[in-house]
C-alpha atoms as a PDB file:
ATOM      1  CA  MET A   1     -18.987 -42.677 -12.645  1.00  0.00           C
ATOM      2  CA  ARG A   2     -19.624 -44.189 -16.368  1.00  0.00           C
ATOM      3  CA  LYS A   3     -22.279 -46.578 -17.333  1.00  0.00           C
ATOM      4  CA  ILE A   4     -21.519 -49.307 -20.018  1.00  0.00           C
ATOM      5  CA  ILE A   5     -24.473 -51.419 -21.516  1.00  0.00           C
ATOM      6  CA  LEU A   6     -22.980 -54.854 -22.703  1.00  0.00           C
ATOM      7  CA  ILE A   7     -25.215 -56.597 -25.115  1.00  0.00           C
ATOM      8  CA  GLU A   8     -24.743 -60.473 -25.380  1.00  0.00           C
ATOM      9  CA  ASP A   9     -27.090 -62.498 -27.412  1.00  0.00           C
ATOM     10  CA  ARG A  10     -25.307 -65.878 -26.667  1.00  0.00           C
ATOM     11  CA  PRO A  11     -24.693 -66.283 -22.894  1.00  0.00           C
ATOM     12  CA  GLY A  12     -22.980 -69.639 -23.641  1.00  0.00           C
ATOM     13  CA  ARG A  13     -20.242 -67.631 -25.515  1.00  0.00           C
ATOM     14  CA  GLN A  14     -19.467 -66.104 -22.082  1.00  0.00           C
ATOM     15  CA  ALA A  15     -19.397 -69.504 -20.154  1.00  0.00           C
ATOM     16  CA  GLN A  16     -16.810 -70.452 -23.220  1.00  0.00           C
ATOM     17  CA  PHE A  17     -14.276 -67.951 -22.394  1.00  0.00           C
ATOM     18  CA  LEU A  18     -15.055 -66.576 -18.710  1.00  0.00           C
ATOM     19  CA  ASP A  19     -15.808 -68.927 -15.654  1.00  0.00           C
ATOM     20  CA  GLN A  20     -18.591 -68.329 -13.398  1.00  0.00           C
ATOM     21  CA  LYS A  21     -17.393 -66.311 -11.154  1.00  0.00           C
ATOM     22  CA  LYS A  22     -16.446 -63.991 -13.534  1.00  0.00           C
ATOM     23  CA  ILE A  23     -19.538 -63.675 -15.109  1.00  0.00           C
ATOM     24  CA  ASP A  24     -21.276 -63.264 -11.832  1.00  0.00           C
ATOM     25  CA  ARG A  25     -18.878 -60.394 -11.140  1.00  0.00           C
ATOM     26  CA  LEU A  26     -19.923 -58.826 -14.441  1.00  0.00           C
ATOM     27  CA  LEU A  27     -23.649 -59.168 -13.709  1.00  0.00           C
ATOM     28  CA  ASN A  28     -23.180 -57.939 -10.250  1.00  0.00           C
ATOM     29  CA  THR A  29     -20.497 -54.996 -11.610  1.00  0.00           C
ATOM     30  CA  GLU A  30     -22.396 -51.146 -10.627  1.00  0.00           C
ATOM     31  CA  GLY A  31     -22.631 -49.174 -13.749  1.00  0.00           C
ATOM     32  CA  LEU A  32     -22.631 -52.182 -16.072  1.00  0.00           C
ATOM     33  CA  ASP A  33     -26.005 -53.099 -17.770  1.00  0.00           C
ATOM     34  CA  MET A  34     -26.190 -56.772 -19.165  1.00  0.00           C
ATOM     35  CA  PRO A  35     -29.345 -57.732 -20.317  1.00  0.00           C
ATOM     36  CA  GLN A  36     -30.706 -60.814 -20.211  1.00  0.00           C
ATOM     37  CA  GLU A  37     -32.694 -62.971 -22.796  1.00  0.00           C
ATOM     38  CA  SER A  38     -35.884 -60.862 -24.091  1.00  0.00           C
ATOM     39  CA  GLU A  39     -34.708 -57.878 -22.548  1.00  0.00           C
ATOM     40  CA  CYS A  40     -31.551 -58.587 -24.754  1.00  0.00           C
ATOM     41  CA  ARG A  41     -33.544 -59.308 -27.500  1.00  0.00           C
ATOM     42  CA  THR A  42     -35.704 -56.266 -27.372  1.00  0.00           C
ATOM     43  CA  TRP A  43     -32.425 -54.192 -27.997  1.00  0.00           C
ATOM     44  CA  ILE A  44     -31.329 -55.956 -30.765  1.00  0.00           C
ATOM     45  CA  GLU A  45     -34.557 -55.998 -32.475  1.00  0.00           C
ATOM     46  CA  ASN A  46     -35.070 -51.969 -31.691  1.00  0.00           C
ATOM     47  CA  LEU A  47     -31.515 -51.144 -33.017  1.00  0.00           C
ATOM     48  CA  ASN A  48     -32.466 -53.156 -36.155  1.00  0.00           C
ATOM     49  CA  SER A  49     -35.556 -51.385 -36.681  1.00  0.00           C
ATOM     50  CA  GLY A  50     -33.160 -47.910 -36.530  1.00  0.00           C
ATOM     51  CA  LYS A  51     -34.285 -47.449 -33.058  1.00  0.00           C
ATOM     52  CA  THR A  52     -31.862 -46.255 -30.605  1.00  0.00           C
ATOM     53  CA  GLU A  53     -33.632 -44.918 -27.657  1.00  0.00           C
ATOM     54  CA  GLY A  54     -32.168 -45.655 -24.509  1.00  0.00           C
ATOM     55  CA  ILE A  55     -28.507 -45.786 -26.074  1.00  0.00           C
ATOM     56  CA  SER A  56     -27.549 -41.955 -25.269  1.00  0.00           C
ATOM     57  CA  SER A  57     -27.803 -42.925 -21.329  1.00  0.00           C
ATOM     58  CA  PHE A  58     -24.675 -45.057 -21.679  1.00  0.00           C
ATOM     59  CA  ASP A  59     -20.946 -43.951 -22.517  1.00  0.00           C
ATOM     60  CA  LEU A  60     -19.947 -47.009 -23.856  1.00  0.00           C
ATOM     61  CA  VAL A  61     -21.810 -49.965 -25.740  1.00  0.00           C
ATOM     62  CA  ILE A  62     -20.510 -53.334 -25.897  1.00  0.00           C
ATOM     63  CA  ILE A  63     -22.361 -55.476 -28.996  1.00  0.00           C
ATOM     64  CA  HIS A  64     -22.110 -59.037 -30.508  1.00  0.00           C
ATOM     65  CA  ARG A  65     -21.265 -57.493 -34.063  1.00  0.00           C
ATOM     66  CA  SER A  66     -23.327 -60.338 -35.771  1.00  0.00           C
ATOM     67  CA  SER A  67     -26.468 -59.588 -33.918  1.00  0.00           C
ATOM     68  CA  LEU A  68     -26.746 -56.452 -35.848  1.00  0.00           C
ATOM     69  CA  ILE A  69     -28.026 -56.187 -39.599  1.00  0.00           C
ATOM     70  CA  GLN A  70     -26.608 -53.184 -41.356  1.00  0.00           C
ATOM     71  CA  GLU A  71     -29.506 -51.075 -40.404  1.00  0.00           C
ATOM     72  CA  GLY A  72     -28.751 -51.864 -36.859  1.00  0.00           C
ATOM     73  CA  LEU A  73     -25.157 -51.175 -37.100  1.00  0.00           C
ATOM     74  CA  THR A  74     -25.968 -47.953 -39.013  1.00  0.00           C
ATOM     75  CA  ALA A  75     -27.888 -46.597 -36.552  1.00  0.00           C
ATOM     76  CA  LEU A  76     -25.744 -47.622 -33.799  1.00  0.00           C
ATOM     77  CA  ASN A  77     -22.737 -46.059 -35.362  1.00  0.00           C
ATOM     78  CA  SER A  78     -24.618 -42.730 -35.837  1.00  0.00           C
ATOM     79  CA  ILE A  79     -26.035 -42.326 -32.335  1.00  0.00           C
ATOM     80  CA  CYS A  80     -22.566 -43.089 -31.079  1.00  0.00           C
ATOM     81  CA  LYS A  81     -20.862 -40.422 -33.344  1.00  0.00           C
ATOM     82  CA  LYS A  82     -23.852 -37.756 -32.411  1.00  0.00           C
ATOM     83  CA  ASN A  83     -23.268 -38.280 -28.536  1.00  0.00           C
ATOM     84  CA  GLU A  84     -19.919 -39.280 -28.756  1.00  0.00           C
ATOM     85  CA  ILE A  85     -20.345 -42.930 -26.871  1.00  0.00           C
ATOM     86  CA  ASP A  86     -17.820 -45.347 -27.059  1.00  0.00           C
ATOM     87  CA  LEU A  87     -18.415 -48.508 -29.133  1.00  0.00           C
ATOM     88  CA  VAL A  88     -17.163 -51.924 -28.837  1.00  0.00           C
ATOM     89  CA  LEU A  89     -18.077 -54.891 -31.172  1.00  0.00           C
ATOM     90  CA  PHE A  90     -17.009 -58.135 -31.005  1.00  0.00           C
ATOM     91  CA  SER A  91     -17.679 -61.235 -33.117  1.00  0.00           C
ATOM     92  CA  GLY A  92     -15.905 -64.577 -33.478  1.00  0.00           C
ATOM     93  CA  GLY A  93     -15.740 -63.942 -37.507  1.00  0.00           C
ATOM     94  CA  LEU A  94     -13.419 -60.888 -36.785  1.00  0.00           C
ATOM     95  CA  SER A  95      -9.843 -62.350 -37.448  1.00  0.00           C
ATOM     96  CA  GLN A  96      -8.181 -58.682 -36.381  1.00  0.00           C
ATOM     97  CA  SER A  97      -8.633 -55.781 -34.187  1.00  0.00           C
ATOM     98  CA  ASN A  98      -9.653 -52.465 -35.597  1.00  0.00           C
ATOM     99  CA  TYR A  99      -9.445 -49.628 -33.604  1.00  0.00           C
ATOM    100  CA  GLN A 100     -10.653 -45.780 -34.519  1.00  0.00           C
ATOM    101  CA  ASN A 101     -11.586 -42.419 -33.238  1.00  0.00           C
ATOM    102  CA  GLU A 102     -13.788 -40.480 -35.573  1.00  0.00           C
ATOM    103  CA  GLY A 103     -15.597 -38.456 -33.417  1.00  0.00           C
ATOM    104  CA  PHE A 104     -16.138 -41.238 -30.956  1.00  0.00           C
ATOM    105  CA  GLU A 105     -13.813 -44.229 -29.869  1.00  0.00           C
ATOM    106  CA  SER A 106     -14.920 -47.509 -31.668  1.00  0.00           C
ATOM    107  CA  LEU A 107     -13.073 -51.040 -31.036  1.00  0.00           C
ATOM    108  CA  SER A 108     -13.850 -54.076 -33.257  1.00  0.00           C
ATOM    109  CA  LEU A 109     -12.216 -57.192 -31.971  1.00  0.00           C
ATOM    110  CA  ASN A 110     -12.482 -61.222 -31.795  1.00  0.00           C
ATOM    111  CA  SER A 111     -15.046 -62.764 -29.137  1.00  0.00           C
ATOM    112  CA  GLN A 112     -11.883 -64.515 -27.714  1.00  0.00           C
ATOM    113  CA  ASP A 113      -9.920 -61.230 -27.486  1.00  0.00           C
ATOM    114  CA  PHE A 114     -12.903 -59.614 -26.031  1.00  0.00           C
ATOM    115  CA  TYR A 115     -13.770 -62.303 -23.264  1.00  0.00           C
ATOM    116  CA  SER A 116     -10.236 -62.148 -21.822  1.00  0.00           C
ATOM    117  CA  ASP A 117      -8.479 -61.343 -18.608  1.00  0.00           C
ATOM    118  CA  ASN A 118      -8.449 -57.718 -19.518  1.00  0.00           C
ATOM    119  CA  LEU A 119     -11.959 -57.514 -19.664  1.00  0.00           C
ATOM    120  CA  LEU A 120     -12.731 -57.288 -15.898  1.00  0.00           C
ATOM    121  CA  SER A 121     -10.139 -54.673 -14.902  1.00  0.00           C
ATOM    122  CA  PHE A 122     -11.121 -52.746 -18.254  1.00  0.00           C
ATOM    123  CA  ILE A 123     -14.739 -52.291 -17.363  1.00  0.00           C
ATOM    124  CA  ASP A 124     -13.655 -51.433 -13.426  1.00  0.00           C
ATOM    125  CA  ASP A 125     -11.321 -49.003 -14.852  1.00  0.00           C
ATOM    126  CA  TYR A 126     -14.033 -47.501 -17.288  1.00  0.00           C
ATOM    127  CA  ILE A 127     -16.572 -47.144 -15.261  1.00  0.00           C
ATOM    128  CA  GLY A 128     -14.658 -45.473 -12.410  1.00  0.00           C
ATOM    129  CA  GLU A 129     -12.997 -43.323 -14.843  1.00  0.00           C
ATOM    130  CA  GLU A 130      -9.363 -44.270 -14.168  1.00  0.00           C
ATOM    131  CA  SER A 131      -8.917 -44.948 -18.121  1.00  0.00           C
ATOM    132  CA  SER A 132     -11.016 -44.190 -21.067  1.00  0.00           C
ATOM    133  CA  SER A 133      -9.111 -46.091 -23.745  1.00  0.00           C
ATOM    134  CA  LEU A 134     -10.545 -48.982 -25.399  1.00  0.00           C
ATOM    135  CA  LEU A 135      -6.996 -50.115 -26.238  1.00  0.00           C
ATOM    136  CA  GLN A 136      -7.040 -51.337 -22.628  1.00  0.00           C
ATOM    137  CA  LEU A 137      -9.288 -54.347 -23.998  1.00  0.00           C
ATOM    138  CA  ILE A 138      -6.468 -55.507 -26.424  1.00  0.00           C
ATOM    139  CA  TYR A 139      -3.503 -54.689 -24.110  1.00  0.00           C
ATOM    140  CA  GLY A 140      -4.484 -54.991 -20.686  1.00  0.00           C
ATOM    141  CA  ASN A 141      -2.902 -52.764 -17.939  1.00  0.00           C
ATOM    142  CA  ASN A 142      -0.001 -52.031 -20.082  1.00  0.00           C
ATOM    143  CA  TRP A 143      -2.375 -50.723 -22.959  1.00  0.00           C
ATOM    144  CA  LYS A 144      -0.492 -47.428 -23.278  1.00  0.00           C
ATOM    145  CA  LEU A 145       2.863 -49.338 -23.939  1.00  0.00           C
ATOM    146  CA  GLY A 146       1.106 -51.595 -26.454  1.00  0.00           C
ATOM    147  CA  ALA A 147      -0.215 -48.641 -28.227  1.00  0.00           C
ATOM    148  CA  LEU A 148       2.800 -46.349 -28.829  1.00  0.00           C
ATOM    149  CA  LEU A 149       4.653 -49.440 -29.955  1.00  0.00           C
ATOM    150  CA  GLN A 150       2.211 -49.980 -32.456  1.00  0.00           C
ATOM    151  CA  TYR A 151       2.166 -46.311 -33.317  1.00  0.00           C
ATOM    152  CA  ARG A 152       5.808 -46.452 -33.941  1.00  0.00           C
ATOM    153  CA  LEU A 153       5.193 -49.582 -36.073  1.00  0.00           C
ATOM    154  CA  LEU A 154       2.790 -47.789 -38.087  1.00  0.00           C
ATOM    155  CA  LYS A 155       4.624 -44.241 -38.110  1.00  0.00           C
ATOM    156  CA  SER A 156       7.779 -46.596 -39.647  1.00  0.00           C
ATOM    157  CA  LYS A 157       5.643 -48.191 -42.238  1.00  0.00           C
ATOM    158  CA  TYR A 158       4.047 -44.764 -43.267  1.00  0.00           C
ATOM    159  CA  GLU A 159       7.610 -43.290 -44.018  1.00  0.00           C
ATOM    160  CA  SER A 160       8.768 -45.985 -46.059  1.00  0.00           C
ATOM    161  CA  GLU A 161       5.694 -46.511 -48.030  1.00  0.00           C
ATOM    162  CA  GLU A 162       5.527 -45.433 -51.510  1.00  0.00           C
ATOM    163  CA  ASP A 163       1.912 -45.971 -52.546  1.00  0.00           C
ATOM    164  CA  THR A 164       0.259 -43.023 -51.925  1.00  0.00           C
ATOM    165  CA  GLY A 165      -3.183 -44.972 -50.988  1.00  0.00           C
ATOM    166  CA  VAL A 166      -1.460 -47.067 -48.319  1.00  0.00           C
ATOM    167  CA  GLN A 167      -0.135 -43.997 -46.834  1.00  0.00           C
ATOM    168  CA  ILE A 168      -3.475 -42.163 -46.586  1.00  0.00           C
ATOM    169  CA  ILE A 169      -4.702 -45.436 -44.854  1.00  0.00           C
ATOM    170  CA  LEU A 170      -1.949 -45.534 -42.292  1.00  0.00           C
ATOM    171  CA  GLU A 171      -2.014 -41.493 -41.785  1.00  0.00           C
ATOM    172  CA  ASP A 172      -5.652 -42.078 -41.066  1.00  0.00           C
ATOM    173  CA  LYS A 173      -4.788 -44.835 -38.349  1.00  0.00           C
ATOM    174  CA  LEU A 174      -1.993 -42.597 -37.128  1.00  0.00           C
ATOM    175  CA  ASP A 175      -4.299 -39.408 -36.779  1.00  0.00           C
ATOM    176  CA  SER A 176      -6.730 -41.917 -34.724  1.00  0.00           C
ATOM    177  CA  MET A 177      -4.097 -43.203 -32.302  1.00  0.00           C
ATOM    178  CA  GLU A 178      -3.021 -39.393 -31.786  1.00  0.00           C
ATOM    179  CA  LYS A 179      -6.265 -38.541 -30.926  1.00  0.00           C
ATOM    180  CA  SER A 180      -7.038 -41.124 -28.511  1.00  0.00           C
ATOM    181  CA  LEU A 181      -3.387 -41.053 -26.543  1.00  0.00           C
ATOM    182  CA  GLU A 182      -1.906 -37.948 -24.707  1.00  0.00           C
ATOM    183  CA  PHE A 183       1.787 -38.029 -25.524  1.00  0.00           C
ATOM    184  CA  ASP A 184       4.494 -36.072 -26.254  1.00  0.00           C
ATOM    185  CA  TRP A 185       4.742 -37.340 -29.657  1.00  0.00           C
ATOM    186  CA  ASN A 186       7.885 -35.602 -30.891  1.00  0.00           C
ATOM    187  CA  ASN A 187       9.432 -37.644 -27.617  1.00  0.00           C
ATOM    188  CA  LEU A 188       8.011 -41.202 -28.748  1.00  0.00           C
ATOM    189  CA  ASP A 189      10.909 -43.436 -27.864  1.00  0.00           C
ATOM    190  CA  LYS A 190      11.647 -41.628 -24.656  1.00  0.00           C
ATOM    191  CA  GLU A 191       7.749 -42.058 -23.808  1.00  0.00           C
ATOM    192  CA  ILE A 192       8.195 -45.875 -24.760  1.00  0.00           C
ATOM    193  CA  ASP A 193      11.747 -46.191 -22.634  1.00  0.00           C
ATOM    194  CA  LYS A 194       9.745 -44.859 -19.453  1.00  0.00           C
ATOM    195  CA  LEU A 195       6.820 -47.349 -19.390  1.00  0.00           C
ATOM    196  CA  ILE A 196       8.968 -50.092 -20.349  1.00  0.00           C
ATOM    197  CA  ALA A 197      11.043 -49.211 -17.238  1.00  0.00           C
ATOM    198  CA  ALA A 198       8.056 -49.161 -15.220  1.00  0.00           C
ATOM    199  CA  ILE A 199       6.854 -52.615 -15.766  1.00  0.00           C
END
């Protein structure tokens, strides 16, 4: 069983996007630690002071991005990379999702996208080791299909792009996706057709 910590410094935000029944379910999910009030503030203060004690006992850290100063974000990224701990950062100020797989899986997304209907099933699947991809938070149960469609789009952009700088950025994104997904990349269209047929 995997362990997750969800550090949310504004409980009112959860209530904005989730009903009380879903919040209660999160609070009572075995394997999910959701520190409340003073304990939550202590986690954030420690991280912002560069202290990461306790983080390595989790497989996934989920935290409100805006609660961290740069030092806290740097410390968190460092321990996640060192210990291969997955990381999800959410914030209302993020306009688009950003996924990376550079030594550890990381995903940044908007708070509304994070607190979606996909959250509960993702947490259950992640803790139960039925899924390990953070992309499930964005694409739900069809995350593999969504990821492959995004990969195909990026691949097309890469092949038609003339700017070398943009090509390098696209190549990094493609490499990151290839590391996180186990597919026969030479038969991408067949894999997509197979997933569509299964819906």
